[in-house]
Protein backbone atom coordinates (compact mmCIF):
# COMPACT_ATOMS: atom_id res chain seq x y z
CA UNK A 1 9.40 -28.67 57.05
CA UNK A 2 7.05 -26.45 55.07
CA UNK A 3 6.67 -22.72 54.74
CA UNK A 4 3.92 -20.41 53.57
CA UNK A 5 5.05 -18.27 50.64
CA UNK A 6 3.30 -15.00 49.72
CA UNK A 7 4.12 -13.22 46.47
CA UNK A 8 2.65 -9.72 46.33
CA UNK A 9 2.63 -7.81 43.08
CA UNK A 10 0.72 -4.95 41.57
CA UNK A 11 -1.25 -7.30 39.28
CA UNK A 12 -1.67 -10.53 41.23
CA UNK A 13 -1.31 -12.07 44.66
CA UNK A 14 -0.03 -15.63 44.92
CA UNK A 15 0.29 -17.95 47.89
CA UNK A 16 1.83 -21.38 48.19
CA UNK A 17 2.91 -24.04 50.63
CA UNK A 18 6.47 -25.08 49.81
CA UNK A 19 8.63 -27.78 51.35
CA UNK A 20 12.36 -27.42 52.05
CA UNK A 21 13.23 -29.06 48.73
CA UNK A 22 11.35 -26.46 46.73
CA UNK A 23 8.26 -28.53 45.90
CA UNK A 24 5.08 -26.47 45.77
CA UNK A 25 2.50 -28.51 47.66
CA UNK A 26 -0.44 -26.15 47.24
CA UNK A 27 -0.99 -22.82 45.53
CA UNK A 28 -3.60 -20.20 44.78
CA UNK A 29 -3.69 -16.74 43.25
CA UNK A 30 -6.10 -13.86 42.84
CA UNK A 31 -5.94 -10.38 41.26
CA UNK A 32 -4.37 -7.75 43.50
CA UNK A 33 -6.87 -4.99 42.65
CA UNK A 34 -4.28 -2.57 44.01
CA UNK A 35 -6.46 0.49 43.36
CA UNK A 36 -8.70 -0.61 46.23
CA UNK A 37 -5.93 0.36 48.66
CA UNK A 38 -3.81 -1.41 51.27
CA UNK A 39 -6.54 -2.45 53.69
CA UNK A 40 -8.58 -4.37 51.10
CA UNK A 41 -5.49 -5.96 49.57
CA UNK A 42 -4.19 -7.02 53.00
CA UNK A 43 -7.52 -8.72 53.70
CA UNK A 44 -7.28 -10.49 50.34
CA UNK A 45 -3.75 -11.68 51.14
CA UNK A 46 -4.85 -13.21 54.46
CA UNK A 47 -7.85 -14.94 52.89
CA UNK A 48 -5.64 -16.35 50.15
CA UNK A 49 -3.11 -17.60 52.68
CA UNK A 50 -5.85 -19.38 54.61
CA UNK A 51 -7.04 -21.06 51.42
CA UNK A 52 -3.67 -22.71 50.76
CA UNK A 53 -3.10 -23.53 54.43
CA UNK A 54 -6.37 -25.47 54.46
CA UNK A 55 -5.81 -27.23 51.12
CA UNK A 56 -6.14 -31.04 51.04
CA UNK A 57 -3.03 -32.67 52.49
CA UNK A 58 -1.78 -29.40 53.98
CA UNK A 59 -3.90 -28.83 57.07
CA UNK A 60 -1.96 -31.41 59.09
CA UNK A 61 1.44 -29.98 58.22
CA UNK A 62 3.37 -27.69 60.51
CA UNK A 63 4.07 -24.32 58.90
CA UNK A 64 7.41 -23.17 60.27
CA UNK A 65 7.54 -19.67 58.85
CA UNK A 66 6.02 -17.26 56.35
CA UNK A 67 8.09 -15.72 53.57
CA UNK A 68 6.90 -12.63 51.72
CA UNK A 69 8.23 -11.27 48.45
CA UNK A 70 6.90 -7.84 47.53
CA UNK A 71 7.74 -5.08 45.10
CA UNK A 72 10.17 -2.65 46.70
CA UNK A 73 11.25 -0.46 48.21
CA UNK A 74 10.94 -2.31 51.50
CA UNK A 75 12.45 -1.97 54.95
CA UNK A 76 13.31 -5.61 55.46
CA UNK A 77 14.34 -5.36 59.12
CA UNK A 78 11.17 -3.51 60.12
CA UNK A 79 8.95 -5.55 57.80
CA UNK A 80 7.62 -2.41 56.10
CA UNK A 81 6.47 -1.73 52.55
CA UNK A 82 7.64 1.81 51.92
CA UNK A 83 5.98 3.15 48.76
CA UNK A 84 6.07 0.82 45.73
CA UNK A 85 4.95 2.50 42.50
CA UNK A 86 2.66 -0.42 41.60
CA UNK A 87 0.97 -0.53 45.03
CA UNK A 88 -0.55 2.95 45.42
CA UNK A 89 -1.05 4.08 48.99
CA UNK A 90 1.30 1.50 50.49
CA UNK A 91 3.34 4.00 52.50
CA UNK A 92 5.17 2.38 55.42
CA UNK A 93 2.68 -0.48 55.60
CA UNK A 94 3.74 -2.97 58.33
CA UNK A 95 3.15 -5.98 56.12
CA UNK A 96 5.23 -8.59 57.96
CA UNK A 97 3.68 -7.71 61.32
CA UNK A 98 0.16 -7.76 59.90
CA UNK A 99 0.65 -11.18 58.30
CA UNK A 100 2.32 -12.60 61.39
CA UNK A 101 -0.50 -11.50 63.70
CA UNK A 102 -3.24 -12.66 61.34
CA UNK A 103 -1.78 -16.10 60.65
CA UNK A 104 0.13 -16.89 63.82
CA UNK A 105 3.53 -17.72 62.32
CA UNK A 106 6.79 -15.72 62.14
CA UNK A 107 6.93 -13.72 58.91
CA UNK A 108 9.96 -12.39 57.03
CA UNK A 109 9.94 -9.94 54.12
CA UNK A 110 12.20 -9.11 51.19
CA UNK A 111 11.78 -7.32 47.90
CA UNK A 112 10.69 -9.41 44.94
CA UNK A 113 13.96 -9.16 43.00
CA UNK A 114 15.99 -10.38 45.96
CA UNK A 115 13.47 -13.16 46.51
CA UNK A 116 13.73 -14.22 42.87
CA UNK A 117 17.53 -14.21 43.06
CA UNK A 118 17.39 -16.48 46.09
CA UNK A 119 14.91 -18.79 44.36
CA UNK A 120 17.07 -19.16 41.26
CA UNK A 121 20.08 -19.75 43.50
CA UNK A 122 18.40 -22.48 45.54
CA UNK A 123 16.19 -24.17 42.95
CA UNK A 124 16.86 -22.81 39.47
CA UNK A 125 19.63 -21.72 37.12
CA UNK A 126 21.97 -20.87 40.01
CA UNK A 127 21.68 -24.22 41.77
CA UNK A 128 25.12 -25.51 42.73
CA UNK A 129 26.84 -22.13 42.48
CA UNK A 130 28.28 -20.22 45.43
CA UNK A 131 27.68 -16.75 44.00
CA UNK A 132 25.50 -15.21 41.33
CA UNK A 133 23.99 -12.00 40.08
CA UNK A 134 20.33 -12.10 39.09
CA UNK A 135 18.68 -9.52 36.84
CA UNK A 136 15.01 -9.26 36.06
CA UNK A 137 14.38 -7.28 32.87
CA UNK A 138 10.72 -6.48 32.54
CA UNK A 139 8.63 -3.38 33.27
CA UNK A 140 11.66 -2.28 35.29
CA UNK A 141 15.10 -3.74 35.84
CA UNK A 142 15.89 -5.13 39.26
CA UNK A 143 18.45 -7.49 40.65
CA UNK A 144 19.77 -9.55 43.49
CA UNK A 145 23.28 -10.57 44.49
CA UNK A 146 24.29 -13.83 46.16
CA UNK A 147 27.77 -13.88 47.72
CA UNK A 148 29.21 -16.94 49.48
CA UNK A 149 25.79 -18.54 49.45
CA UNK A 150 23.97 -15.61 51.06
CA UNK A 151 21.85 -12.79 49.74
CA UNK A 152 23.78 -9.52 49.94
CA UNK A 153 21.51 -6.69 51.08
CA UNK A 154 24.04 -3.89 51.57
CA UNK A 155 23.50 -0.75 53.60
CA UNK A 156 19.79 -0.19 54.34
CA UNK A 157 18.91 -3.03 51.91
CA UNK A 158 20.18 -0.96 49.00
CA UNK A 159 22.24 -3.62 47.20
CA UNK A 160 21.23 -5.09 43.86
CA UNK A 161 19.73 -2.01 42.18
CA UNK A 162 21.39 -2.91 38.90
CA UNK A 163 18.72 -1.13 36.89
CA UNK A 164 19.90 2.21 38.21
CA UNK A 165 23.50 2.18 37.07
CA UNK A 166 24.09 5.29 34.95
CA UNK A 167 25.05 4.28 31.42
CA UNK A 168 24.34 7.53 29.54
CA UNK A 169 24.90 10.59 31.79
CA UNK A 170 22.52 12.84 29.86
CA UNK A 171 20.22 10.02 28.75
CA UNK A 172 16.47 9.63 29.16
CA UNK A 173 14.84 10.32 32.50
CA UNK A 174 14.40 7.31 34.73
CA UNK A 175 11.62 6.75 37.24
CA UNK A 176 14.19 6.97 40.04
CA UNK A 177 14.86 10.62 39.17
CA UNK A 178 18.24 10.07 37.53
CA UNK A 179 19.04 10.16 33.83
CA UNK A 180 20.44 7.45 31.62
CA UNK A 181 19.92 4.49 33.95
CA UNK A 182 19.98 0.96 32.54
CA UNK A 183 16.26 0.72 33.32
CA UNK A 184 15.53 3.88 31.31
CA UNK A 185 17.30 2.35 28.32
CA UNK A 186 16.61 -1.40 28.32
CA UNK A 187 13.45 -2.19 30.31
CA UNK A 188 10.38 -3.31 28.37
CA UNK A 189 8.70 0.12 28.26
CA UNK A 190 12.04 1.77 27.41
CA UNK A 191 12.55 -0.57 24.44
CA UNK A 192 9.06 0.33 23.21
CA UNK A 193 9.75 4.05 23.70
CA UNK A 194 12.96 3.90 21.70
CA UNK A 195 11.14 2.02 18.94
CA UNK A 196 8.52 4.79 18.72
CA UNK A 197 11.29 7.38 18.62
CA UNK A 198 13.00 5.49 15.80
CA UNK A 199 9.80 5.62 13.76
CA UNK A 200 9.99 9.42 13.99
CA UNK A 201 12.80 9.33 11.42
CA UNK A 202 10.26 8.37 8.76
CA UNK A 203 12.03 5.16 7.77
CA UNK A 204 9.83 2.25 6.63
CA UNK A 205 9.20 -0.38 9.26
CA UNK A 206 6.56 -2.96 10.08
CA UNK A 207 6.53 -1.46 13.57
CA UNK A 208 4.15 1.12 12.06
CA UNK A 209 1.54 -1.65 11.76
CA UNK A 210 1.58 -2.25 15.53
CA UNK A 211 -0.96 -0.20 17.48
CA UNK A 212 0.74 -0.28 20.89
CA UNK A 213 4.36 -1.29 20.47
CA UNK A 214 5.86 -3.56 23.13
CA UNK A 215 9.33 -4.97 23.66
CA UNK A 216 8.01 -8.32 22.45
CA UNK A 217 6.96 -6.69 19.15
CA UNK A 218 10.43 -5.21 18.73
CA UNK A 219 12.08 -8.59 19.38
CA UNK A 220 9.73 -10.44 17.02
CA UNK A 221 10.16 -8.00 14.14
CA UNK A 222 13.92 -7.80 14.69
CA UNK A 223 14.07 -11.57 14.30
CA UNK A 224 11.98 -11.30 11.14
CA UNK A 225 14.46 -8.86 9.61
CA UNK A 226 12.83 -5.47 10.15
CA UNK A 227 15.74 -3.01 10.00
CA UNK A 228 14.41 -0.43 12.46
CA UNK A 229 13.37 -3.08 14.99
CA UNK A 230 16.75 -4.78 14.61
CA UNK A 231 18.59 -1.52 15.34
CA UNK A 232 16.50 -0.92 18.47
CA UNK A 233 17.07 -4.49 19.61
CA UNK A 234 20.82 -4.31 18.98
CA UNK A 235 21.03 -1.16 21.09
CA UNK A 236 19.05 -2.92 23.83
CA UNK A 237 21.53 -5.80 23.89
CA UNK A 238 24.43 -3.34 24.03
CA UNK A 239 22.93 -1.47 26.98
CA UNK A 240 22.26 -4.70 28.86
CA UNK A 241 25.75 -5.92 28.09
CA UNK A 242 27.23 -2.73 29.55
CA UNK A 243 25.27 -3.31 32.74
CA UNK A 244 26.14 -7.00 33.00
CA UNK A 245 29.80 -6.37 32.18
CA UNK A 246 30.01 -3.76 34.91
CA UNK A 247 28.53 -6.07 37.52
CA UNK A 248 30.72 -8.97 36.40
CA UNK A 249 33.85 -6.82 36.61
CA UNK A 250 33.00 -5.70 40.15
CA UNK A 251 31.71 -8.96 41.62
CA UNK A 252 33.10 -11.78 39.43
CA UNK A 253 30.15 -14.06 40.22
CA UNK A 254 30.07 -17.71 39.27
CA UNK A 255 26.89 -17.18 37.25
CA UNK A 256 24.68 -14.44 35.87
CA UNK A 257 20.98 -15.29 35.63
CA UNK A 258 18.52 -13.14 33.70
CA UNK A 259 14.74 -13.36 34.01
CA UNK A 260 11.72 -11.19 33.33
CA UNK A 261 9.65 -10.67 30.23
CA UNK A 262 12.46 -9.35 28.01
CA UNK A 263 14.41 -12.56 28.65
CA UNK A 264 11.64 -14.47 26.87
CA UNK A 265 13.35 -13.41 23.63
CA UNK A 266 15.70 -16.36 24.21
CA UNK A 267 18.68 -16.73 21.92
CA UNK A 268 17.89 -13.41 20.23
CA UNK A 269 18.93 -11.84 23.53
CA UNK A 270 21.36 -14.27 25.09
CA UNK A 271 23.67 -15.10 22.19
CA UNK A 272 24.67 -11.49 21.32
CA UNK A 273 24.60 -10.53 25.01
CA UNK A 274 27.17 -13.19 25.89
CA UNK A 275 29.41 -12.11 23.00
CA UNK A 276 29.23 -8.44 23.97
CA UNK A 277 29.90 -9.08 27.65
CA UNK A 278 32.93 -11.21 26.83
CA UNK A 279 34.17 -8.44 24.55
CA UNK A 280 33.85 -5.79 27.25
CA UNK A 281 35.15 -7.61 30.35
CA UNK A 282 38.95 -7.66 30.41
CA UNK A 283 40.11 -8.28 34.00
CA UNK A 284 37.79 -11.11 35.09
CA UNK A 285 37.68 -14.68 33.76
CA UNK A 286 34.44 -13.91 31.94
CA UNK A 287 34.61 -17.01 29.74
CA UNK A 288 34.08 -19.05 32.90
CA UNK A 289 30.94 -17.13 33.91
CA UNK A 290 27.82 -18.49 32.20
CA UNK A 291 25.02 -16.02 31.44
CA UNK A 292 21.86 -18.06 31.77
CA UNK A 293 18.11 -17.59 31.38
CA UNK A 294 16.15 -17.90 34.60
CA UNK A 295 14.76 -21.41 35.03
CA UNK A 296 11.77 -21.10 37.33
CA UNK A 297 9.29 -19.30 35.11
CA UNK A 298 5.94 -18.48 36.68
CA UNK A 299 6.93 -20.30 39.89
CA UNK A 300 9.66 -17.80 40.76
CA UNK A 301 7.41 -15.59 42.90
CA UNK A 302 6.19 -18.35 45.19
CA UNK A 303 9.58 -20.08 45.31
CA UNK A 304 11.27 -16.75 45.97
CA UNK A 305 9.05 -16.03 48.95
CA UNK A 306 9.65 -19.57 50.19
CA UNK A 307 13.40 -19.12 49.85
CA UNK A 308 13.17 -15.93 51.90
CA UNK A 309 11.38 -17.87 54.65
CA UNK A 310 13.86 -20.73 54.57
CA UNK A 311 16.82 -18.35 54.65
CA UNK A 312 15.31 -16.96 57.74
């Protein structure tokens, strides 16, 4: 059995043919060029899908289903893209129906964080577990929850929005309209913002040498001993630990998996994060819950969409 996997993001579109064991048999990607609007991007998606479906060794295979992972919010049941911030003009776009009609196979849709959670559960750092919480910490903070082997969507697909837990009631404004969300404190752009604010104190720091500060710059300079960068990074770990500890206390998953660009900091993130979570969680057997880096890397988008198709 093979499925067609479509990963739709604001920067790139990726398509792949994936078998039931998670092997990617063919793949292709192109820039999204989201500013061109939904109609042009939809055409590009269909052309890309046809490229991988006609790849050598693929044309004779039976494609059972199409899985689509796309930036949310989405209406999964209706197959609609509602209004993602990185896909301007995509307001109630019937993506699943469009793909299904154009390619002739049943299509199922989920948001990209849920898809990534399912991919890590089936093929990556969550393989062998029965439950997990997945967080992606990047431009935003999203998540997915697996309970008893199944993705938990919640009412109106609202489950898993871990980035929008309120940590600081009067904290910085978040893109969701609330204040003090985890995303407003520990996402990549939020880390960079807090670093710029820290430089306003006038203290010496090598961050001043960086033209456009990123979270990666903060992590690198923190590791190299820059005091201001280290303070910003320590606060980042504490905010993330609060979020993870809250989720662990509520759900008690078998594993926590963290992906996204901020997770590329490796041990600089994971070692203090594990210590802080263990310190904060009192009523759950937190020592038995590993906090792991995501394992699938750049393949997570295609494998996530494939997992959505295979889950059905």
